[in-house]
Amino acid sequence: MPGKAGTKELRYPSNGKTIYHRPLARGRTSELSQASFAYLFSEMVSYAQKRVTGISDLENRLNVQGHPIGVKLLDLLLIREPPRSQARPLTIVALLHFIKGAVFQHLFGRAADGLEKSSDANTPDEYLIIDNEPLVNAYVSVPRDMDKLSCAAFVAGIVEGVCDGAAFPARVTAHTVGGKEEGEMWPGKTVFLVKFQGEVLEREALLGVGKG
């Protein structure tokens, strides 16, 4: 049908197939190259950088951009799991291992480097996902006045989206902990601090998770 005046018609490929015709269970041949990802992500950062009031505001925008990706990614990865293992994670530990393994593997081709529970007795709701070399920090150059910026806030948003989508509401933030000294093995080492809401811990307590 011809489009209305002043509007463009929706164009379809010559074979009549769109992205919605592609199978969900795609293989490695459909992975995005690092060069393409670097270009797309740098453009995302440039777009988010417009009209921000500071580093915190920019990181918040990157977090917001990543959140809906995490929500959708959870369902996609569960669909791709074998039928026997398509159940959603039902505990905090199971969810975090799913993120450390399946989510990071899908996004970056490898699992995260570590997973820890906060050793502070006052913060039983906090967990740490560790990435020694975040890919998102490798190809983005930032202005000198924003040298404290962590573009891993985008990944934190994805992780937060996965948690929210799995009914484990949490706040996730990215923190660069690598040193700047010469010879530092992991200068870009980043910790994703996952802080679950109180209702999540209350639910696990009622279910007796972690007891016995």
N, C-alpha and C. Protein backbone atom coordinates (compact mmCIF):
# COMPACT_ATOMS: atom_id res chain seq x y z
N MET A 1 0.85 -1.19 0.00
CA MET A 1 0.00 0.00 0.00
C MET A 1 0.88 1.23 0.00
N PRO A 2 0.52 2.25 -0.74
CA PRO A 2 1.30 3.48 -0.71
C PRO A 2 1.16 4.15 0.64
N GLY A 3 2.23 4.79 1.09
CA GLY A 3 2.19 5.45 2.38
C GLY A 3 1.40 6.74 2.32
N LYS A 4 1.02 7.22 3.48
CA LYS A 4 0.29 8.48 3.55
C LYS A 4 1.21 9.62 3.16
N ALA A 5 0.63 10.73 2.78
CA ALA A 5 1.40 11.89 2.39
C ALA A 5 2.31 12.31 3.53
N GLY A 6 3.59 12.53 3.20
CA GLY A 6 4.52 12.99 4.22
C GLY A 6 5.17 11.88 5.02
N THR A 7 4.83 10.62 4.74
CA THR A 7 5.43 9.49 5.46
C THR A 7 6.12 8.56 4.47
N LYS A 8 7.11 7.83 4.94
CA LYS A 8 7.85 6.91 4.10
C LYS A 8 7.27 5.51 4.23
N GLU A 9 7.26 4.78 3.11
CA GLU A 9 6.77 3.42 3.14
C GLU A 9 7.78 2.51 3.83
N LEU A 10 7.30 1.48 4.51
CA LEU A 10 8.17 0.51 5.14
C LEU A 10 8.78 -0.38 4.07
N ARG A 11 10.09 -0.46 4.05
CA ARG A 11 10.78 -1.22 3.01
C ARG A 11 11.13 -2.61 3.53
N TYR A 12 10.94 -3.60 2.69
CA TYR A 12 11.25 -4.98 3.03
C TYR A 12 12.37 -5.49 2.14
N PRO A 13 13.17 -6.45 2.64
CA PRO A 13 14.20 -7.06 1.79
C PRO A 13 13.57 -7.73 0.58
N SER A 14 14.36 -7.92 -0.46
CA SER A 14 13.84 -8.50 -1.70
C SER A 14 13.30 -9.92 -1.50
N ASN A 15 13.85 -10.64 -0.51
CA ASN A 15 13.36 -12.00 -0.27
C ASN A 15 12.12 -12.03 0.62
N GLY A 16 11.67 -10.85 1.08
CA GLY A 16 10.46 -10.77 1.88
C GLY A 16 10.63 -11.10 3.34
N LYS A 17 11.87 -11.41 3.76
CA LYS A 17 12.11 -11.80 5.15
C LYS A 17 12.72 -10.65 5.93
N THR A 18 12.26 -10.48 7.17
CA THR A 18 12.79 -9.45 8.05
C THR A 18 13.52 -10.11 9.21
N ILE A 19 14.00 -9.31 10.14
CA ILE A 19 14.72 -9.83 11.31
C ILE A 19 13.84 -10.77 12.13
N TYR A 20 12.52 -10.59 12.02
CA TYR A 20 11.59 -11.43 12.80
C TYR A 20 11.48 -12.84 12.24
N HIS A 21 12.01 -13.07 11.04
CA HIS A 21 11.99 -14.41 10.46
C HIS A 21 13.21 -15.23 10.87
N ARG A 22 14.18 -14.60 11.50
CA ARG A 22 15.40 -15.31 11.88
C ARG A 22 15.15 -16.20 13.09
N PRO A 23 15.76 -17.38 13.13
CA PRO A 23 15.58 -18.27 14.29
C PRO A 23 16.24 -17.69 15.53
N LEU A 24 15.64 -17.95 16.70
CA LEU A 24 16.21 -17.45 17.95
C LEU A 24 17.50 -18.17 18.29
N ALA A 25 17.59 -19.44 17.94
CA ALA A 25 18.77 -20.24 18.27
C ALA A 25 19.83 -20.05 17.19
N ARG A 26 20.48 -18.89 17.20
CA ARG A 26 21.50 -18.60 16.21
C ARG A 26 22.86 -19.11 16.67
N GLY A 27 23.73 -19.41 15.74
CA GLY A 27 25.05 -19.93 16.07
C GLY A 27 26.11 -18.85 16.13
N ARG A 28 27.37 -19.30 16.25
CA ARG A 28 28.49 -18.36 16.38
C ARG A 28 28.70 -17.55 15.11
N THR A 29 28.23 -18.04 13.96
CA THR A 29 28.45 -17.32 12.71
C THR A 29 27.73 -15.99 12.69
N SER A 30 26.78 -15.78 13.58
CA SER A 30 26.01 -14.53 13.60
C SER A 30 26.51 -13.56 14.66
N GLU A 31 27.67 -13.85 15.28
CA GLU A 31 28.20 -12.96 16.29
C GLU A 31 28.67 -11.66 15.66
N LEU A 32 28.59 -10.59 16.44
CA LEU A 32 29.04 -9.28 15.99
C LEU A 32 30.54 -9.15 16.25
N SER A 33 31.27 -8.62 15.27
CA SER A 33 32.72 -8.46 15.44
C SER A 33 33.00 -7.40 16.49
N GLN A 34 34.18 -7.47 17.10
CA GLN A 34 34.56 -6.49 18.11
C GLN A 34 34.65 -5.10 17.50
N ALA A 35 35.11 -5.01 16.25
CA ALA A 35 35.22 -3.71 15.60
C ALA A 35 33.85 -3.06 15.43
N SER A 36 32.87 -3.86 15.03
CA SER A 36 31.51 -3.34 14.86
C SER A 36 30.92 -2.93 16.20
N PHE A 37 31.15 -3.78 17.22
CA PHE A 37 30.65 -3.45 18.55
C PHE A 37 31.28 -2.17 19.06
N ALA A 38 32.60 -2.04 18.86
CA ALA A 38 33.31 -0.84 19.33
C ALA A 38 32.73 0.41 18.70
N TYR A 39 32.44 0.35 17.40
CA TYR A 39 31.88 1.51 16.71
C TYR A 39 30.49 1.85 17.25
N LEU A 40 29.64 0.83 17.35
CA LEU A 40 28.27 1.06 17.82
C LEU A 40 28.25 1.58 19.25
N PHE A 41 29.09 0.99 20.10
CA PHE A 41 29.08 1.40 21.50
C PHE A 41 29.64 2.80 21.68
N SER A 42 30.68 3.14 20.93
CA SER A 42 31.23 4.50 21.04
C SER A 42 30.20 5.53 20.61
N GLU A 43 29.38 5.18 19.61
CA GLU A 43 28.31 6.09 19.20
C GLU A 43 27.24 6.21 20.29
N MET A 44 26.96 5.11 20.97
CA MET A 44 25.99 5.15 22.07
C MET A 44 26.48 6.06 23.19
N VAL A 45 27.78 5.96 23.50
CA VAL A 45 28.34 6.80 24.55
C VAL A 45 28.29 8.27 24.14
N SER A 46 28.62 8.55 22.87
CA SER A 46 28.57 9.92 22.38
C SER A 46 27.15 10.48 22.47
N TYR A 47 26.18 9.65 22.12
CA TYR A 47 24.78 10.09 22.19
C TYR A 47 24.37 10.35 23.64
N ALA A 48 24.76 9.45 24.54
CA ALA A 48 24.39 9.60 25.95
C ALA A 48 25.09 10.80 26.59
N GLN A 49 26.22 11.20 26.01
CA GLN A 49 27.03 12.28 26.58
C GLN A 49 26.40 13.65 26.38
N LYS A 50 25.45 13.72 25.46
CA LYS A 50 24.83 15.01 25.16
C LYS A 50 23.96 15.49 26.33
N ARG A 51 24.16 16.71 26.71
CA ARG A 51 23.34 17.38 27.72
C ARG A 51 23.37 16.68 29.09
N VAL A 52 24.49 16.08 29.43
CA VAL A 52 24.62 15.51 30.77
C VAL A 52 25.24 16.55 31.69
N THR A 53 24.99 16.41 32.97
CA THR A 53 25.50 17.38 33.95
C THR A 53 26.81 16.94 34.59
N GLY A 54 27.23 15.69 34.32
CA GLY A 54 28.47 15.21 34.92
C GLY A 54 28.63 13.72 34.70
N ILE A 55 29.68 13.17 35.29
CA ILE A 55 29.98 11.75 35.12
C ILE A 55 28.86 10.86 35.65
N SER A 56 28.33 11.20 36.82
CA SER A 56 27.27 10.39 37.42
C SER A 56 26.04 10.35 36.52
N ASP A 57 25.71 11.48 35.92
CA ASP A 57 24.56 11.56 35.03
C ASP A 57 24.78 10.71 33.79
N LEU A 58 26.00 10.77 33.23
CA LEU A 58 26.31 9.98 32.04
C LEU A 58 26.26 8.49 32.34
N GLU A 59 26.83 8.09 33.47
CA GLU A 59 26.79 6.67 33.84
C GLU A 59 25.36 6.20 34.06
N ASN A 60 24.53 7.06 34.60
CA ASN A 60 23.12 6.71 34.80
C ASN A 60 22.42 6.50 33.46
N ARG A 61 22.75 7.34 32.48
CA ARG A 61 22.15 7.19 31.15
C ARG A 61 22.58 5.87 30.50
N LEU A 62 23.86 5.54 30.64
CA LEU A 62 24.34 4.27 30.10
C LEU A 62 23.65 3.09 30.79
N ASN A 63 23.45 3.21 32.08
CA ASN A 63 22.75 2.17 32.84
C ASN A 63 21.32 1.99 32.32
N VAL A 64 20.65 3.11 32.10
CA VAL A 64 19.26 3.07 31.61
C VAL A 64 19.21 2.44 30.22
N GLN A 65 20.21 2.72 29.37
CA GLN A 65 20.23 2.13 28.03
C GLN A 65 20.42 0.61 28.09
N GLY A 66 21.18 0.14 29.07
CA GLY A 66 21.44 -1.29 29.16
C GLY A 66 20.31 -2.10 29.77
N HIS A 67 19.50 -1.46 30.63
CA HIS A 67 18.47 -2.19 31.39
C HIS A 67 17.50 -2.97 30.51
N PRO A 68 16.86 -2.37 29.49
CA PRO A 68 15.90 -3.15 28.69
C PRO A 68 16.56 -4.28 27.92
N ILE A 69 17.84 -4.14 27.61
CA ILE A 69 18.56 -5.24 26.94
C ILE A 69 18.63 -6.45 27.86
N GLY A 70 18.92 -6.19 29.14
CA GLY A 70 19.00 -7.29 30.10
C GLY A 70 17.68 -8.00 30.29
N VAL A 71 16.59 -7.25 30.33
CA VAL A 71 15.26 -7.85 30.50
C VAL A 71 14.96 -8.81 29.36
N LYS A 72 15.24 -8.38 28.12
CA LYS A 72 14.97 -9.21 26.94
C LYS A 72 15.98 -10.35 26.81
N LEU A 73 17.22 -10.08 27.21
CA LEU A 73 18.26 -11.10 27.08
C LEU A 73 17.97 -12.31 27.97
N LEU A 74 17.39 -12.08 29.13
CA LEU A 74 17.05 -13.18 30.02
C LEU A 74 16.14 -14.18 29.32
N ASP A 75 15.07 -13.70 28.72
CA ASP A 75 14.14 -14.59 28.03
C ASP A 75 14.81 -15.29 26.85
N LEU A 76 15.62 -14.55 26.09
CA LEU A 76 16.29 -15.14 24.93
C LEU A 76 17.21 -16.29 25.33
N LEU A 77 18.01 -16.07 26.37
CA LEU A 77 18.95 -17.11 26.80
C LEU A 77 18.23 -18.33 27.36
N LEU A 78 17.12 -18.10 28.06
CA LEU A 78 16.36 -19.24 28.59
C LEU A 78 15.72 -20.04 27.46
N ILE A 79 15.27 -19.35 26.42
CA ILE A 79 14.69 -20.04 25.27
C ILE A 79 15.74 -20.91 24.58
N ARG A 80 16.97 -20.42 24.54
CA ARG A 80 18.05 -21.15 23.87
C ARG A 80 18.59 -22.31 24.70
N GLU A 81 18.24 -22.35 25.98
CA GLU A 81 18.69 -23.45 26.82
C GLU A 81 18.00 -24.75 26.40
N PRO A 82 18.63 -25.91 26.64
CA PRO A 82 17.96 -27.19 26.37
C PRO A 82 16.65 -27.27 27.15
N PRO A 83 15.64 -27.98 26.62
CA PRO A 83 14.33 -28.04 27.28
C PRO A 83 14.38 -28.41 28.76
N ARG A 84 15.31 -29.27 29.15
CA ARG A 84 15.37 -29.71 30.54
C ARG A 84 15.85 -28.62 31.49
N SER A 85 16.51 -27.60 30.95
CA SER A 85 17.10 -26.57 31.83
C SER A 85 16.56 -25.17 31.54
N GLN A 86 15.33 -25.09 31.05
CA GLN A 86 14.76 -23.80 30.70
C GLN A 86 14.07 -23.10 31.87
N ALA A 87 14.26 -23.60 33.09
CA ALA A 87 13.65 -22.97 34.25
C ALA A 87 14.43 -21.71 34.63
N ARG A 88 13.70 -20.68 35.05
CA ARG A 88 14.36 -19.45 35.50
C ARG A 88 15.08 -19.70 36.81
N PRO A 89 16.19 -19.00 37.05
CA PRO A 89 16.88 -19.13 38.34
C PRO A 89 15.95 -18.76 39.48
N LEU A 90 15.94 -19.56 40.54
CA LEU A 90 14.99 -19.36 41.64
C LEU A 90 15.64 -18.87 42.92
N THR A 91 16.96 -18.76 42.93
CA THR A 91 17.67 -18.25 44.11
C THR A 91 18.69 -17.20 43.67
N ILE A 92 19.13 -16.39 44.61
CA ILE A 92 20.13 -15.36 44.31
C ILE A 92 21.39 -15.99 43.73
N VAL A 93 21.88 -17.04 44.37
CA VAL A 93 23.12 -17.67 43.93
C VAL A 93 22.98 -18.24 42.53
N ALA A 94 21.86 -18.91 42.26
CA ALA A 94 21.63 -19.48 40.92
C ALA A 94 21.57 -18.38 39.87
N LEU A 95 20.91 -17.27 40.20
CA LEU A 95 20.80 -16.16 39.26
C LEU A 95 22.17 -15.55 38.96
N LEU A 96 22.97 -15.33 40.00
CA LEU A 96 24.28 -14.71 39.81
C LEU A 96 25.23 -15.62 39.03
N HIS A 97 25.14 -16.92 39.24
CA HIS A 97 25.96 -17.84 38.45
C HIS A 97 25.49 -17.84 36.99
N PHE A 98 24.21 -17.69 36.77
CA PHE A 98 23.66 -17.59 35.41
C PHE A 98 24.20 -16.34 34.72
N ILE A 99 24.24 -15.22 35.46
CA ILE A 99 24.76 -13.97 34.90
C ILE A 99 26.26 -14.09 34.63
N LYS A 100 27.00 -14.59 35.62
CA LYS A 100 28.46 -14.73 35.48
C LYS A 100 28.82 -15.63 34.31
N GLY A 101 28.03 -16.67 34.10
CA GLY A 101 28.32 -17.61 33.04
C GLY A 101 27.61 -17.31 31.74
N ALA A 102 26.33 -17.63 31.66
CA ALA A 102 25.58 -17.55 30.41
C ALA A 102 25.48 -16.13 29.85
N VAL A 103 25.19 -15.16 30.72
CA VAL A 103 25.01 -13.78 30.24
C VAL A 103 26.32 -13.20 29.72
N PHE A 104 27.38 -13.30 30.51
CA PHE A 104 28.68 -12.77 30.07
C PHE A 104 29.21 -13.54 28.86
N GLN A 105 28.97 -14.84 28.82
CA GLN A 105 29.41 -15.64 27.68
C GLN A 105 28.72 -15.17 26.40
N HIS A 106 27.44 -14.89 26.49
CA HIS A 106 26.69 -14.43 25.32
C HIS A 106 27.15 -13.04 24.89
N LEU A 107 27.40 -12.16 25.84
CA LEU A 107 27.75 -10.78 25.52
C LEU A 107 29.20 -10.63 25.06
N PHE A 108 30.12 -11.33 25.73
CA PHE A 108 31.54 -11.07 25.52
C PHE A 108 32.37 -12.29 25.13
N GLY A 109 31.70 -13.44 24.96
CA GLY A 109 32.42 -14.63 24.53
C GLY A 109 33.20 -15.32 25.63
N ARG A 110 32.99 -14.92 26.87
CA ARG A 110 33.66 -15.55 28.01
C ARG A 110 32.87 -15.24 29.28
N ALA A 111 33.08 -16.06 30.30
CA ALA A 111 32.42 -15.82 31.58
C ALA A 111 33.12 -14.69 32.32
N ALA A 112 32.43 -14.11 33.29
CA ALA A 112 33.06 -13.11 34.16
C ALA A 112 34.15 -13.80 34.98
N ASP A 113 35.08 -13.01 35.50
CA ASP A 113 36.25 -13.58 36.16
C ASP A 113 36.03 -13.97 37.61
N GLY A 114 34.97 -13.49 38.23
CA GLY A 114 34.76 -13.83 39.63
C GLY A 114 33.38 -13.47 40.13
N LEU A 115 32.98 -14.13 41.21
CA LEU A 115 31.70 -13.86 41.86
C LEU A 115 31.92 -14.00 43.36
N GLU A 116 31.60 -12.97 44.10
CA GLU A 116 31.82 -12.98 45.54
C GLU A 116 30.61 -12.40 46.27
N LYS A 117 30.46 -12.82 47.51
CA LYS A 117 29.45 -12.24 48.40
C LYS A 117 30.15 -11.24 49.30
N SER A 118 29.49 -10.14 49.59
CA SER A 118 30.08 -9.13 50.46
C SER A 118 30.48 -9.76 51.80
N SER A 119 31.69 -9.44 52.24
CA SER A 119 32.17 -9.98 53.52
C SER A 119 31.72 -9.14 54.70
N ASP A 120 31.04 -8.03 54.42
CA ASP A 120 30.55 -7.14 55.47
C ASP A 120 29.23 -7.68 56.01
N ALA A 121 29.18 -7.97 57.28
CA ALA A 121 27.96 -8.51 57.89
C ALA A 121 26.80 -7.53 57.81
N ASN A 122 27.10 -6.25 57.62
CA ASN A 122 26.05 -5.23 57.55
C ASN A 122 25.43 -5.12 56.16
N THR A 123 26.02 -5.80 55.17
CA THR A 123 25.48 -5.73 53.80
C THR A 123 25.28 -7.13 53.23
N PRO A 124 24.38 -7.92 53.82
CA PRO A 124 24.15 -9.28 53.31
C PRO A 124 23.45 -9.29 51.96
N ASP A 125 22.98 -8.11 51.52
CA ASP A 125 22.26 -8.02 50.26
C ASP A 125 23.18 -7.67 49.09
N GLU A 126 24.49 -7.61 49.31
CA GLU A 126 25.42 -7.18 48.27
C GLU A 126 26.29 -8.33 47.77
N TYR A 127 26.43 -8.40 46.45
CA TYR A 127 27.28 -9.40 45.80
C TYR A 127 28.14 -8.69 44.76
N LEU A 128 29.28 -9.30 44.43
CA LEU A 128 30.23 -8.69 43.50
C LEU A 128 30.49 -9.61 42.32
N ILE A 129 30.28 -9.10 41.12
CA ILE A 129 30.66 -9.80 39.89
C ILE A 129 31.90 -9.09 39.36
N ILE A 130 32.97 -9.84 39.12
CA ILE A 130 34.26 -9.24 38.79
C ILE A 130 34.62 -9.50 37.33
N ASP A 131 35.01 -8.44 36.63
CA ASP A 131 35.48 -8.54 35.25
C ASP A 131 36.85 -7.86 35.17
N ASN A 132 37.89 -8.62 34.89
CA ASN A 132 39.24 -8.05 34.88
C ASN A 132 39.50 -7.13 33.69
N GLU A 133 38.85 -7.41 32.57
CA GLU A 133 39.06 -6.61 31.35
C GLU A 133 37.74 -6.33 30.65
N PRO A 134 36.96 -5.38 31.12
CA PRO A 134 35.66 -5.09 30.49
C PRO A 134 35.85 -4.62 29.05
N LEU A 135 35.20 -5.30 28.13
CA LEU A 135 35.32 -4.95 26.72
C LEU A 135 34.81 -3.53 26.45
N VAL A 136 33.80 -3.11 27.18
CA VAL A 136 33.19 -1.80 26.91
C VAL A 136 34.12 -0.65 27.27
N ASN A 137 35.15 -0.91 28.07
CA ASN A 137 36.09 0.15 28.42
C ASN A 137 37.30 0.19 27.50
N ALA A 138 37.40 -0.79 26.59
CA ALA A 138 38.61 -0.93 25.79
C ALA A 138 38.67 0.01 24.60
N TYR A 139 37.53 0.37 24.04
CA TYR A 139 37.54 1.09 22.77
C TYR A 139 36.94 2.49 22.84
N VAL A 140 36.67 2.97 24.02
CA VAL A 140 36.02 4.27 24.16
C VAL A 140 37.01 5.26 24.77
N SER A 141 37.26 6.35 24.06
CA SER A 141 38.11 7.42 24.60
C SER A 141 37.20 8.51 25.15
N VAL A 142 37.48 8.96 26.35
CA VAL A 142 36.64 9.97 27.00
C VAL A 142 37.46 11.23 27.22
N PRO A 143 36.78 12.38 27.33
CA PRO A 143 37.49 13.63 27.60
C PRO A 143 38.28 13.56 28.90
N ARG A 144 39.32 14.39 28.98
CA ARG A 144 40.18 14.37 30.17
C ARG A 144 39.40 14.68 31.43
N ASP A 145 38.39 15.56 31.31
CA ASP A 145 37.62 15.92 32.50
C ASP A 145 36.66 14.82 32.93
N MET A 146 36.60 13.72 32.15
CA MET A 146 35.74 12.59 32.50
C MET A 146 36.56 11.31 32.64
N ASP A 147 37.82 11.44 33.09
CA ASP A 147 38.68 10.27 33.17
C ASP A 147 38.23 9.26 34.22
N LYS A 148 37.31 9.67 35.09
CA LYS A 148 36.77 8.75 36.11
C LYS A 148 35.56 7.97 35.60
N LEU A 149 35.15 8.26 34.36
CA LEU A 149 33.97 7.61 33.80
C LEU A 149 34.19 6.11 33.61
N SER A 150 33.22 5.32 33.99
CA SER A 150 33.24 3.88 33.73
C SER A 150 32.11 3.54 32.76
N CYS A 151 32.48 3.25 31.52
CA CYS A 151 31.47 2.88 30.53
C CYS A 151 30.85 1.52 30.85
N ALA A 152 31.43 0.81 31.81
CA ALA A 152 30.85 -0.46 32.24
C ALA A 152 29.49 -0.26 32.92
N ALA A 153 29.11 1.00 33.14
CA ALA A 153 27.77 1.29 33.66
C ALA A 153 26.70 0.72 32.73
N PHE A 154 27.03 0.64 31.43
CA PHE A 154 26.11 0.05 30.46
C PHE A 154 25.89 -1.43 30.77
N VAL A 155 26.97 -2.15 31.06
CA VAL A 155 26.87 -3.57 31.42
C VAL A 155 26.14 -3.73 32.74
N ALA A 156 26.38 -2.80 33.67
CA ALA A 156 25.67 -2.84 34.95
C ALA A 156 24.16 -2.74 34.71
N GLY A 157 23.77 -1.92 33.75
CA GLY A 157 22.35 -1.80 33.41
C GLY A 157 21.79 -3.10 32.86
N ILE A 158 22.59 -3.80 32.04
CA ILE A 158 22.15 -5.09 31.50
C ILE A 158 21.96 -6.10 32.63
N VAL A 159 22.94 -6.15 33.54
CA VAL A 159 22.84 -7.08 34.68
C VAL A 159 21.63 -6.74 35.53
N GLU A 160 21.39 -5.46 35.74
CA GLU A 160 20.22 -5.04 36.52
C GLU A 160 18.93 -5.45 35.83
N GLY A 161 18.90 -5.35 34.50
CA GLY A 161 17.73 -5.77 33.75
C GLY A 161 17.46 -7.26 33.87
N VAL A 162 18.54 -8.06 33.85
CA VAL A 162 18.39 -9.51 34.03
C VAL A 162 17.81 -9.82 35.41
N CYS A 163 18.35 -9.14 36.42
CA CYS A 163 17.85 -9.36 37.80
C CYS A 163 16.37 -8.98 37.91
N ASP A 164 16.01 -7.82 37.38
CA ASP A 164 14.62 -7.38 37.45
C ASP A 164 13.71 -8.31 36.67
N GLY A 165 14.16 -8.75 35.49
CA GLY A 165 13.36 -9.65 34.67
C GLY A 165 13.14 -11.00 35.32
N ALA A 166 14.08 -11.41 36.16
CA ALA A 166 13.96 -12.69 36.86
C ALA A 166 13.22 -12.56 38.19
N ALA A 167 12.68 -11.37 38.47
CA ALA A 167 11.95 -11.09 39.72
C ALA A 167 12.88 -11.08 40.93
N PHE A 168 14.11 -10.60 40.72
CA PHE A 168 15.06 -10.36 41.80
C PHE A 168 15.49 -8.90 41.72
N PRO A 169 14.59 -7.97 42.03
CA PRO A 169 14.91 -6.55 41.85
C PRO A 169 16.19 -6.15 42.59
N ALA A 170 17.03 -5.42 41.87
CA ALA A 170 18.33 -5.04 42.43
C ALA A 170 18.79 -3.74 41.81
N ARG A 171 19.77 -3.13 42.45
CA ARG A 171 20.46 -1.97 41.90
C ARG A 171 21.89 -2.40 41.61
N VAL A 172 22.35 -2.20 40.37
CA VAL A 172 23.68 -2.65 39.98
C VAL A 172 24.50 -1.45 39.52
N THR A 173 25.69 -1.31 40.08
CA THR A 173 26.60 -0.23 39.71
C THR A 173 27.97 -0.80 39.38
N ALA A 174 28.71 -0.08 38.52
CA ALA A 174 30.04 -0.52 38.09
C ALA A 174 31.10 0.34 38.76
N HIS A 175 32.15 -0.31 39.25
CA HIS A 175 33.23 0.40 39.95
C HIS A 175 34.58 -0.10 39.45
N THR A 176 35.39 0.81 38.93
CA THR A 176 36.74 0.45 38.49
C THR A 176 37.66 0.37 39.70
N VAL A 177 38.28 -0.78 39.90
CA VAL A 177 39.13 -0.98 41.08
C VAL A 177 40.58 -1.25 40.71
N GLY A 178 40.87 -1.34 39.40
CA GLY A 178 42.25 -1.58 38.97
C GLY A 178 43.12 -0.36 39.23
N GLY A 179 44.37 -0.59 39.56
CA GLY A 179 45.30 0.50 39.82
C GLY A 179 45.88 1.07 38.54
N LYS A 180 46.37 2.29 38.61
CA LYS A 180 46.95 2.96 37.46
C LYS A 180 48.48 2.84 37.43
N GLU A 181 49.05 2.14 38.41
CA GLU A 181 50.49 2.04 38.49
C GLU A 181 51.05 1.23 37.32
N GLU A 182 52.28 1.55 36.94
CA GLU A 182 52.95 0.83 35.86
C GLU A 182 53.14 -0.62 36.26
N GLY A 183 52.81 -1.52 35.36
CA GLY A 183 52.95 -2.94 35.65
C GLY A 183 51.72 -3.56 36.27
N GLU A 184 50.69 -2.78 36.49
CA GLU A 184 49.44 -3.31 37.04
C GLU A 184 48.87 -4.35 36.08
N MET A 185 48.56 -5.55 36.60
CA MET A 185 48.11 -6.63 35.74
C MET A 185 46.74 -6.34 35.13
N TRP A 186 45.82 -5.80 35.93
CA TRP A 186 44.46 -5.54 35.45
C TRP A 186 44.09 -4.08 35.74
N PRO A 187 44.62 -3.13 34.97
CA PRO A 187 44.35 -1.71 35.25
C PRO A 187 42.88 -1.33 35.08
N GLY A 188 42.15 -2.10 34.27
CA GLY A 188 40.74 -1.78 34.05
C GLY A 188 39.79 -2.66 34.83
N LYS A 189 40.31 -3.41 35.79
CA LYS A 189 39.48 -4.34 36.56
C LYS A 189 38.25 -3.64 37.12
N THR A 190 37.10 -4.23 36.89
CA THR A 190 35.83 -3.62 37.28
C THR A 190 35.00 -4.58 38.13
N VAL A 191 34.39 -4.03 39.14
CA VAL A 191 33.49 -4.79 40.01
C VAL A 191 32.07 -4.29 39.80
N PHE A 192 31.17 -5.21 39.53
CA PHE A 192 29.75 -4.87 39.42
C PHE A 192 29.11 -5.19 40.77
N LEU A 193 28.71 -4.15 41.46
CA LEU A 193 28.11 -4.31 42.79
C LEU A 193 26.61 -4.52 42.62
N VAL A 194 26.14 -5.70 42.99
CA VAL A 194 24.72 -6.05 42.88
C VAL A 194 24.10 -5.97 44.27
N LYS A 195 23.21 -5.02 44.46
CA LYS A 195 22.56 -4.83 45.76
C LYS A 195 21.07 -5.16 45.61
N PHE A 196 20.67 -6.29 46.16
CA PHE A 196 19.28 -6.73 46.04
C PHE A 196 18.38 -5.98 47.02
N GLN A 197 17.14 -5.82 46.61
CA GLN A 197 16.16 -5.17 47.49
C GLN A 197 15.80 -6.11 48.64
N GLY A 198 15.33 -5.52 49.73
CA GLY A 198 15.02 -6.28 50.93
C GLY A 198 14.03 -7.40 50.70
N GLU A 199 13.09 -7.20 49.80
CA GLU A 199 12.06 -8.21 49.57
C GLU A 199 12.67 -9.52 49.04
N VAL A 200 13.79 -9.40 48.31
CA VAL A 200 14.44 -10.60 47.77
C VAL A 200 15.01 -11.45 48.90
N LEU A 201 15.70 -10.80 49.84
CA LEU A 201 16.27 -11.53 50.98
C LEU A 201 15.18 -12.09 51.87
N GLU A 202 14.08 -11.34 52.04
CA GLU A 202 12.97 -11.83 52.85
C GLU A 202 12.36 -13.08 52.23
N ARG A 203 12.24 -13.09 50.91
CA ARG A 203 11.68 -14.26 50.22
C ARG A 203 12.58 -15.48 50.40
N GLU A 204 13.88 -15.27 50.28
CA GLU A 204 14.80 -16.40 50.44
C GLU A 204 14.79 -16.92 51.88
N ALA A 205 14.62 -16.01 52.83
CA ALA A 205 14.56 -16.43 54.24
C ALA A 205 13.31 -17.27 54.48
N LEU A 206 12.19 -16.87 53.87
CA LEU A 206 10.95 -17.63 54.03
C LEU A 206 11.05 -19.02 53.40
N LEU A 207 11.81 -19.10 52.30
CA LEU A 207 11.97 -20.38 51.61
C LEU A 207 13.06 -21.23 52.23
N GLY A 208 13.77 -20.65 53.21
CA GLY A 208 14.83 -21.40 53.87
C GLY A 208 16.07 -21.58 53.03
N VAL A 209 16.28 -20.69 52.05
CA VAL A 209 17.46 -20.80 51.19
C VAL A 209 18.72 -20.54 52.01
N GLY A 210 19.71 -21.40 51.86
CA GLY A 210 20.99 -21.23 52.56
C GLY A 210 21.03 -21.86 53.93
N LYS A 211 19.92 -22.45 54.36
CA LYS A 211 19.90 -23.10 55.68
C LYS A 211 20.15 -24.60 55.54
N GLY A 212 20.83 -25.10 56.53
CA GLY A 212 21.07 -26.53 56.56
C GLY A 212 21.95 -27.00 55.45
